[in-house]
Protein backbone atom coordinates (compact mmCIF):
# COMPACT_ATOMS: atom_id res chain seq x y z
CA LEU A 1 8.51 -7.50 -8.73
CA ASP A 2 9.76 -4.28 -10.32
CA ILE A 3 13.41 -5.04 -9.61
CA CYS A 4 13.57 -8.10 -11.90
CA PRO A 5 15.14 -7.31 -15.29
CA LYS A 6 13.64 -10.47 -16.82
CA GLY A 7 10.08 -10.18 -15.49
CA ALA A 8 10.48 -13.52 -13.76
CA ILE A 9 8.55 -12.58 -10.62
CA THR A 10 4.77 -12.69 -10.25
CA ILE A 11 2.36 -12.49 -7.33
CA GLU A 12 0.66 -15.78 -6.55
CA ASP A 13 -2.46 -15.49 -4.46
CA SER A 14 -3.76 -18.47 -2.55
CA ILE A 15 -6.03 -18.74 0.45
CA LYS A 16 -2.97 -19.55 2.61
CA ALA A 17 -0.43 -17.05 1.28
CA TYR A 18 0.13 -14.04 -0.97
CA ASN A 19 3.66 -14.53 -2.23
CA ALA A 20 6.10 -13.46 -4.91
CA ILE A 21 6.93 -16.49 -7.09
CA ILE A 22 10.08 -16.74 -9.22
CA ASP A 23 9.96 -18.42 -12.62
CA LYS A 24 13.29 -20.29 -12.56
CA THR A 25 13.27 -20.73 -16.34
CA ARG A 26 13.55 -16.94 -16.74
CA CYS A 27 15.71 -16.19 -13.68
CA VAL A 28 19.36 -15.25 -14.38
CA ASN A 29 20.46 -15.39 -10.72
CA CYS A 30 21.31 -11.68 -10.53
CA ASN A 31 20.16 -11.63 -6.88
CA LEU A 32 18.49 -8.23 -7.25
CA CYS A 33 15.26 -9.56 -5.75
CA HIS A 34 17.17 -11.13 -2.88
CA ASN A 35 18.82 -7.78 -2.12
CA VAL A 36 15.56 -5.82 -1.88
CA CYS A 37 13.56 -8.50 -0.03
CA ALA A 38 12.63 -7.23 3.43
CA VAL A 39 12.95 -10.77 4.84
CA ASN A 40 16.54 -11.15 3.63
CA ASN A 41 17.43 -7.52 4.38
CA PRO A 42 15.24 -6.33 7.27
CA PRO A 43 15.06 -2.60 7.95
CA GLU A 44 17.02 -0.99 10.74
CA LYS A 45 14.81 -0.45 13.78
CA SER A 46 14.87 2.67 15.94
CA MET A 47 12.93 4.00 18.91
CA PRO A 48 10.18 6.53 18.13
CA GLN A 49 11.13 10.18 18.64
CA GLU A 50 7.60 11.37 19.31
CA TRP A 51 4.22 9.66 19.75
CA TYR A 52 0.84 11.20 19.00
CA GLN A 53 -2.78 10.15 18.74
CA GLY A 54 -5.78 12.00 17.40
CA TRP A 55 -8.32 12.35 14.62
CA VAL A 56 -9.42 14.87 12.01
CA GLY A 57 -12.55 16.97 12.09
CA GLU A 58 -15.71 16.52 10.09
CA PRO A 59 -16.59 15.67 7.38
CA GLN A 60 -13.36 13.73 6.82
CA ARG A 61 -13.62 11.80 10.08
CA THR A 62 -16.99 10.29 9.15
CA LYS A 63 -15.64 9.09 5.80
CA SER A 64 -12.53 7.56 7.36
CA SER A 65 -12.17 4.24 9.15
CA SER A 66 -9.50 5.05 11.71
CA GLY A 67 -9.76 8.75 12.47
CA GLY A 68 -8.54 10.13 9.14
CA PHE A 69 -4.96 10.74 10.25
CA ALA A 70 -3.49 9.46 6.97
CA SER A 71 -5.94 11.58 4.97
CA ALA A 72 -4.90 14.73 6.81
CA ILE A 73 -1.19 14.07 6.27
CA SER A 74 -1.79 13.19 2.61
CA SER A 75 -3.75 16.40 2.02
CA LYS A 76 -0.97 18.54 3.48
CA PHE A 77 1.63 16.60 1.51
CA ILE A 78 -0.13 17.31 -1.80
CA LYS A 79 -0.61 20.98 -0.90
CA ASN A 80 3.16 21.15 -0.56
CA GLY A 81 3.61 19.77 -4.08
CA GLY A 82 4.08 16.08 -3.32
CA ILE A 83 2.50 12.89 -4.63
CA VAL A 84 0.77 10.28 -2.47
CA CYS A 85 0.78 6.54 -3.12
CA SER A 86 -1.61 4.32 -1.18
CA CYS A 87 -3.96 1.35 -1.48
CA GLU A 88 -7.26 1.64 -3.31
CA PHE A 89 -10.05 -0.72 -4.31
CA LYS A 90 -10.51 -0.65 -8.10
CA ASP A 91 -12.26 -3.03 -10.48
CA GLY A 92 -12.54 -5.71 -7.81
CA GLN A 93 -8.85 -5.54 -6.87
CA PHE A 94 -6.81 -4.04 -4.06
CA ILE A 95 -3.96 -2.18 -5.73
CA PHE A 96 -1.79 0.90 -5.19
CA GLY A 97 -2.64 4.16 -6.86
CA PHE A 98 -1.19 7.67 -7.03
CA ALA A 99 -2.78 11.02 -6.19
CA GLU A 100 -1.46 14.41 -7.30
CA LYS A 101 -4.59 16.39 -6.40
CA GLU A 102 -6.48 16.55 -3.11
CA GLU A 103 -9.75 15.44 -4.69
CA GLU A 104 -8.06 12.18 -5.73
CA LEU A 105 -7.37 11.20 -2.11
CA ASP A 106 -10.89 9.87 -1.53
CA ARG A 107 -9.85 6.73 -3.43
CA PHE A 108 -7.59 5.83 -0.50
CA VAL A 109 -10.06 6.50 2.31
CA GLY A 110 -11.06 3.51 4.41
CA SER A 111 -8.93 0.72 5.83
CA LYS A 112 -8.33 -2.34 3.67
CA TYR A 113 -7.95 -5.56 5.61
CA VAL A 114 -6.62 -7.82 2.88
CA LYS A 115 -3.33 -7.96 0.99
CA SER A 116 -2.85 -5.40 -1.81
CA ASN A 117 -0.89 -5.94 -5.02
CA PRO A 118 2.13 -3.60 -5.38
CA THR A 119 3.00 -4.55 -8.98
CA GLY A 120 4.49 -1.54 -10.80
CA THR A 121 4.40 0.68 -7.71
CA HIS A 122 8.13 0.72 -6.88
CA LYS A 123 9.21 1.57 -10.40
CA THR A 124 6.72 4.44 -10.68
CA ILE A 125 7.78 5.87 -7.31
CA GLN A 126 11.43 5.80 -8.38
CA GLU A 127 10.52 7.66 -11.58
CA TYR A 128 8.68 10.35 -9.60
CA LEU A 129 11.64 10.73 -7.23
CA ASN A 130 14.06 11.02 -10.14
CA SER A 131 11.91 13.78 -11.63
CA GLY A 132 12.33 15.81 -8.45
CA LYS A 133 8.97 15.01 -6.83
CA ASN A 134 8.48 14.19 -3.16
CA VAL A 135 6.48 10.97 -2.70
CA LEU A 136 4.53 9.79 0.36
CA PHE A 137 3.96 6.02 0.44
CA ILE A 138 1.39 4.58 2.87
CA GLY A 139 1.39 0.81 3.30
CA LEU A 140 2.05 -2.16 5.55
CA PRO A 141 5.42 -2.37 7.33
CA CYS A 142 6.66 -5.14 5.03
CA GLN A 143 5.70 -3.07 1.96
CA VAL A 144 7.47 0.00 3.32
CA ALA A 145 10.60 -2.04 4.09
CA GLY A 146 10.66 -3.55 0.60
CA LEU A 147 10.20 -0.14 -1.02
CA LYS A 148 13.04 1.41 0.97
CA ASN A 149 15.34 -1.43 -0.10
CA TYR A 150 14.30 -0.91 -3.73
CA ILE A 151 14.79 2.86 -4.02
CA ARG A 152 18.29 3.51 -5.32
CA THR A 153 18.40 7.28 -5.98
CA ASN A 154 16.79 10.39 -4.46
CA SER A 155 15.68 8.45 -1.39
CA ASP A 156 15.69 11.73 0.57
CA LYS A 157 12.50 12.66 -1.32
CA LEU A 158 10.67 9.51 -0.17
CA TYR A 159 8.39 9.71 2.87
CA THR A 160 6.65 6.66 4.30
CA ILE A 161 3.89 5.77 6.73
CA ASP A 162 3.69 2.14 7.79
CA LEU A 163 0.40 0.98 9.24
CA ILE A 164 0.01 -1.13 12.36
CA CYS A 165 -0.36 -4.68 11.10
CA HIS A 166 -1.26 -7.93 12.82
CA GLY A 167 -1.23 -9.88 9.56
CA SER A 168 -3.65 -9.48 6.66
CA PRO A 169 -5.22 -12.37 4.73
CA SER A 170 -5.42 -13.12 1.04
CA PRO A 171 -8.14 -11.33 -0.98
CA GLN A 172 -9.43 -14.81 -1.77
CA LEU A 173 -10.70 -15.06 1.80
CA LEU A 174 -12.85 -11.98 1.21
CA GLU A 175 -14.02 -13.32 -2.15
CA SER A 176 -14.99 -16.61 -0.49
CA PHE A 177 -16.99 -14.74 2.15
CA LEU A 178 -18.81 -12.65 -0.47
CA SER A 179 -19.58 -15.70 -2.60
CA ASP A 180 -21.50 -17.18 0.36
CA TYR A 181 -23.88 -14.24 -0.12
CA LYS A 182 -23.93 -14.64 -3.92
CA VAL A 183 -21.88 -11.45 -4.42
CA SER A 184 -19.00 -11.11 -6.87
CA ILE A 185 -16.21 -8.78 -5.79
CA LYS A 186 -15.83 -7.69 -9.42
CA HIS A 187 -19.31 -6.13 -9.30
CA ILE A 188 -18.62 -4.08 -6.15
CA LYS A 189 -17.85 -0.39 -6.71
CA SER A 190 -16.74 0.41 -3.17
CA ILE A 191 -16.16 -1.52 0.02
CA SER A 192 -15.88 -0.60 3.71
CA PHE A 193 -14.53 -2.82 6.47
CA ARG A 194 -15.81 -0.70 9.34
CA LYS A 195 -19.31 0.59 9.99
CA LYS A 196 -19.70 3.71 12.12
CA ASN A 197 -22.64 3.47 14.48
CA ASN A 198 -23.97 5.78 17.15
CA PHE A 199 -23.06 4.64 20.65
CA ARG A 200 -25.28 5.65 23.57
């Protein structure tokens, strides 16, 4: 989206797909979008150097959905002067936000199991990198791949974490589910996809 000099690309959300759509009347065939697309230019794959598993201590673990590993890394990253970009739920939408202080990280806590809109994210990350800031981006593998293709300068300051993904549905699927219970997603202040229970 951010790569297009004519603003010809928009996100179209349907129950079947969550795709970038090109307005051909505004497109000038510069191929910039083609060059950054992770489908057309897939990332180079490599074997992992190390493999770890674990979780953080309380109280962060209770607040987190999957052990709080991303929260712990994000906290350390900010302490070292960096900026974190990750998905948040805001005003009924799943979008990407930025955190420069540790207390802002709570917006990212909790797994989101629907597609998130990255509009404006790539451009802002590039601006932070150009200003000398280190940026940590946490997202789905396809989002990480697209971002890496987009970043043109100071890529050595970009750090990424790609989440294990088995495919995530359109937000419309969630909205359809909520509507069955007479709930509007626009009226929800926070949402959690996992409930921690006590196992005996």
